[in-house]
N, C-alpha and C. Protein backbone atom coordinates (compact mmCIF):
# COMPACT_ATOMS: atom_id res chain seq x y z
N MET A 1 -5.07 16.26 -0.83
CA MET A 1 -5.22 14.82 -0.74
C MET A 1 -3.92 14.17 -1.17
N GLU A 2 -3.48 13.20 -0.40
CA GLU A 2 -2.31 12.39 -0.73
C GLU A 2 -2.76 10.95 -0.92
N PHE A 3 -1.92 10.15 -1.53
CA PHE A 3 -2.21 8.73 -1.71
C PHE A 3 -1.11 7.92 -1.04
N LEU A 4 -1.51 6.88 -0.36
CA LEU A 4 -0.62 6.07 0.44
C LEU A 4 -0.63 4.64 -0.06
N ILE A 5 0.56 4.02 -0.17
CA ILE A 5 0.64 2.61 -0.54
C ILE A 5 0.47 1.76 0.72
N LEU A 6 -0.46 0.83 0.68
CA LEU A 6 -0.60 -0.18 1.73
C LEU A 6 -0.20 -1.52 1.14
N TRP A 7 0.71 -2.22 1.82
CA TRP A 7 1.13 -3.55 1.39
C TRP A 7 0.30 -4.59 2.12
N VAL A 8 -0.04 -5.68 1.43
CA VAL A 8 -0.79 -6.78 2.01
C VAL A 8 0.15 -7.99 2.02
N LEU A 9 0.61 -8.36 3.22
CA LEU A 9 1.55 -9.47 3.37
C LEU A 9 0.91 -10.58 4.20
N SER A 10 0.60 -11.67 3.58
CA SER A 10 -0.01 -12.83 4.26
C SER A 10 -1.24 -12.43 5.06
N GLY A 11 -2.07 -11.60 4.50
CA GLY A 11 -3.29 -11.17 5.17
C GLY A 11 -3.09 -10.02 6.15
N THR A 12 -1.86 -9.58 6.35
CA THR A 12 -1.55 -8.47 7.25
C THR A 12 -1.38 -7.21 6.41
N ILE A 13 -2.04 -6.13 6.83
CA ILE A 13 -1.94 -4.85 6.13
C ILE A 13 -0.83 -4.02 6.76
N MET A 14 0.09 -3.51 5.94
CA MET A 14 1.20 -2.71 6.45
C MET A 14 1.22 -1.36 5.75
N ASP A 15 1.35 -0.32 6.55
CA ASP A 15 1.49 1.05 6.04
C ASP A 15 2.92 1.22 5.54
N SER A 16 3.07 1.53 4.27
CA SER A 16 4.41 1.70 3.70
C SER A 16 5.05 3.01 4.14
N GLY A 17 4.22 3.99 4.50
CA GLY A 17 4.74 5.30 4.84
C GLY A 17 5.02 6.15 3.60
N LEU A 18 4.87 5.56 2.42
CA LEU A 18 5.14 6.27 1.17
C LEU A 18 3.88 7.01 0.73
N ARG A 19 3.97 8.33 0.60
CA ARG A 19 2.83 9.15 0.20
C ARG A 19 3.12 9.86 -1.11
N TYR A 20 2.07 10.00 -1.93
CA TYR A 20 2.22 10.58 -3.26
C TYR A 20 1.14 11.62 -3.53
N LYS A 21 1.42 12.50 -4.47
CA LYS A 21 0.48 13.58 -4.79
C LYS A 21 -0.73 13.09 -5.56
N ASP A 22 -0.58 12.03 -6.35
CA ASP A 22 -1.74 11.53 -7.10
C ASP A 22 -1.72 10.00 -7.15
N ALA A 23 -2.86 9.43 -7.49
CA ALA A 23 -3.02 7.97 -7.50
C ALA A 23 -2.13 7.30 -8.53
N GLY A 24 -1.95 7.94 -9.68
CA GLY A 24 -1.11 7.37 -10.73
C GLY A 24 0.33 7.19 -10.29
N GLU A 25 0.87 8.19 -9.62
CA GLU A 25 2.24 8.12 -9.11
C GLU A 25 2.36 7.02 -8.06
N CYS A 26 1.36 6.91 -7.20
CA CYS A 26 1.32 5.88 -6.16
C CYS A 26 1.34 4.49 -6.79
N PHE A 27 0.44 4.28 -7.74
CA PHE A 27 0.32 2.98 -8.41
C PHE A 27 1.60 2.63 -9.17
N ALA A 28 2.16 3.59 -9.90
CA ALA A 28 3.37 3.34 -10.68
C ALA A 28 4.54 2.97 -9.78
N THR A 29 4.67 3.64 -8.65
CA THR A 29 5.76 3.33 -7.72
C THR A 29 5.61 1.91 -7.17
N ALA A 30 4.39 1.55 -6.77
CA ALA A 30 4.17 0.20 -6.25
C ALA A 30 4.47 -0.86 -7.31
N GLN A 31 4.06 -0.60 -8.55
CA GLN A 31 4.35 -1.54 -9.64
C GLN A 31 5.86 -1.67 -9.86
N ASN A 32 6.57 -0.56 -9.84
CA ASN A 32 8.02 -0.59 -10.05
C ASN A 32 8.74 -1.31 -8.91
N LEU A 33 8.28 -1.11 -7.67
CA LEU A 33 8.87 -1.82 -6.54
C LEU A 33 8.64 -3.32 -6.69
N GLY A 34 7.45 -3.70 -7.18
CA GLY A 34 7.16 -5.11 -7.43
C GLY A 34 8.07 -5.70 -8.48
N LYS A 35 8.34 -4.95 -9.54
CA LYS A 35 9.25 -5.42 -10.60
C LYS A 35 10.66 -5.60 -10.04
N ASP A 36 11.09 -4.68 -9.18
CA ASP A 36 12.42 -4.80 -8.57
C ASP A 36 12.51 -6.06 -7.72
N LEU A 37 11.46 -6.37 -6.97
CA LEU A 37 11.45 -7.58 -6.15
C LEU A 37 11.50 -8.84 -7.02
N ARG A 38 10.72 -8.84 -8.12
CA ARG A 38 10.74 -10.00 -9.03
C ARG A 38 12.12 -10.17 -9.66
N TYR A 39 12.80 -9.08 -9.94
CA TYR A 39 14.12 -9.13 -10.55
C TYR A 39 15.12 -9.89 -9.67
N VAL A 40 14.99 -9.73 -8.36
CA VAL A 40 15.91 -10.43 -7.44
C VAL A 40 15.33 -11.76 -6.96
N GLY A 41 14.22 -12.21 -7.57
CA GLY A 41 13.67 -13.53 -7.27
C GLY A 41 12.65 -13.59 -6.16
N LEU A 42 12.14 -12.44 -5.71
CA LEU A 42 11.14 -12.42 -4.65
C LEU A 42 9.75 -12.16 -5.24
N SER A 43 8.76 -12.72 -4.63
CA SER A 43 7.39 -12.48 -5.06
C SER A 43 6.89 -11.18 -4.41
N PRO A 44 6.46 -10.21 -5.20
CA PRO A 44 6.02 -8.94 -4.62
C PRO A 44 4.69 -9.09 -3.89
N PRO A 45 4.50 -8.34 -2.80
CA PRO A 45 3.23 -8.40 -2.09
C PRO A 45 2.14 -7.68 -2.86
N GLN A 46 0.89 -7.98 -2.52
CA GLN A 46 -0.22 -7.23 -3.09
C GLN A 46 -0.20 -5.84 -2.46
N PHE A 47 -0.82 -4.88 -3.13
CA PHE A 47 -0.85 -3.53 -2.60
C PHE A 47 -2.15 -2.85 -3.00
N THR A 48 -2.41 -1.75 -2.34
CA THR A 48 -3.49 -0.86 -2.73
C THR A 48 -3.04 0.56 -2.43
N CYS A 49 -3.50 1.51 -3.22
CA CYS A 49 -3.22 2.93 -2.97
C CYS A 49 -4.52 3.56 -2.49
N ILE A 50 -4.47 4.20 -1.34
CA ILE A 50 -5.68 4.81 -0.79
C ILE A 50 -5.47 6.31 -0.59
N PRO A 51 -6.54 7.08 -0.73
CA PRO A 51 -6.43 8.52 -0.48
C PRO A 51 -6.42 8.79 1.02
N VAL A 52 -5.58 9.73 1.43
CA VAL A 52 -5.47 10.14 2.83
C VAL A 52 -5.39 11.66 2.86
N LYS A 53 -6.11 12.25 3.77
CA LYS A 53 -6.05 13.70 3.93
C LYS A 53 -4.61 14.12 4.24
N LYS A 54 -4.13 15.14 3.57
CA LYS A 54 -2.75 15.58 3.73
C LYS A 54 -2.46 15.88 5.21
N GLY A 55 -1.38 15.29 5.70
CA GLY A 55 -0.96 15.49 7.08
C GLY A 55 -1.71 14.63 8.09
N ALA A 56 -2.71 13.87 7.64
CA ALA A 56 -3.50 13.04 8.56
C ALA A 56 -2.79 11.71 8.82
N GLU A 57 -3.01 11.19 9.99
CA GLU A 57 -2.45 9.89 10.35
C GLU A 57 -3.45 8.80 9.97
N LEU A 58 -2.95 7.75 9.38
CA LEU A 58 -3.80 6.62 9.02
C LEU A 58 -3.77 5.61 10.16
N ARG A 59 -4.94 5.17 10.58
CA ARG A 59 -5.02 4.17 11.64
C ARG A 59 -5.55 2.88 11.06
N LEU A 60 -4.77 1.82 11.22
CA LEU A 60 -5.20 0.51 10.75
C LEU A 60 -5.78 -0.25 11.94
N TYR A 61 -6.91 -0.85 11.74
CA TYR A 61 -7.59 -1.61 12.79
C TYR A 61 -7.57 -3.08 12.44
N PRO A 62 -7.34 -3.93 13.45
CA PRO A 62 -7.40 -5.36 13.14
C PRO A 62 -8.81 -5.71 12.69
N GLY A 63 -8.93 -6.16 11.47
CA GLY A 63 -10.25 -6.45 10.91
C GLY A 63 -10.52 -7.93 10.87
N GLN A 64 -11.60 -8.26 10.23
CA GLN A 64 -11.94 -9.65 10.07
C GLN A 64 -11.02 -10.27 9.04
N GLN A 65 -10.78 -11.56 9.19
CA GLN A 65 -9.93 -12.27 8.25
C GLN A 65 -10.49 -12.11 6.84
N GLY A 66 -9.64 -11.71 5.91
CA GLY A 66 -10.06 -11.57 4.53
C GLY A 66 -10.64 -10.21 4.17
N SER A 67 -10.77 -9.30 5.14
CA SER A 67 -11.30 -7.97 4.85
C SER A 67 -10.31 -7.21 3.98
N ARG A 68 -10.79 -6.60 2.92
CA ARG A 68 -9.90 -5.86 2.02
C ARG A 68 -9.68 -4.42 2.48
N PHE A 69 -10.49 -3.93 3.41
CA PHE A 69 -10.40 -2.54 3.82
C PHE A 69 -10.40 -2.42 5.36
N PRO A 70 -9.24 -2.58 5.99
CA PRO A 70 -9.17 -2.54 7.45
C PRO A 70 -8.94 -1.14 8.02
N PHE A 71 -9.52 -0.13 7.41
CA PHE A 71 -9.29 1.24 7.88
C PHE A 71 -10.59 1.98 7.89
C-alpha cells in the first residue's frame, strides 16, 4: 500500500503524483510543502493523503460540487 497526496485547489482535485510508504510520511511532506509556500507568501492548498494499491493508477472522476472524495 502506498499513500498519495491529493491537492484541493479551488474545488478542483489534483493528483500530486507524490507517493509514500506510509501515511505519516505523506502527511509530513504535505505539511512541509505548505510551510514552504507560506514562507514565500503563498497560501498553501488543502490536501488529503489517500491509500492507493502499489503500482495502481488513481482515477479522478468529476464529482458533485463540494464532494470531498471524487475517487
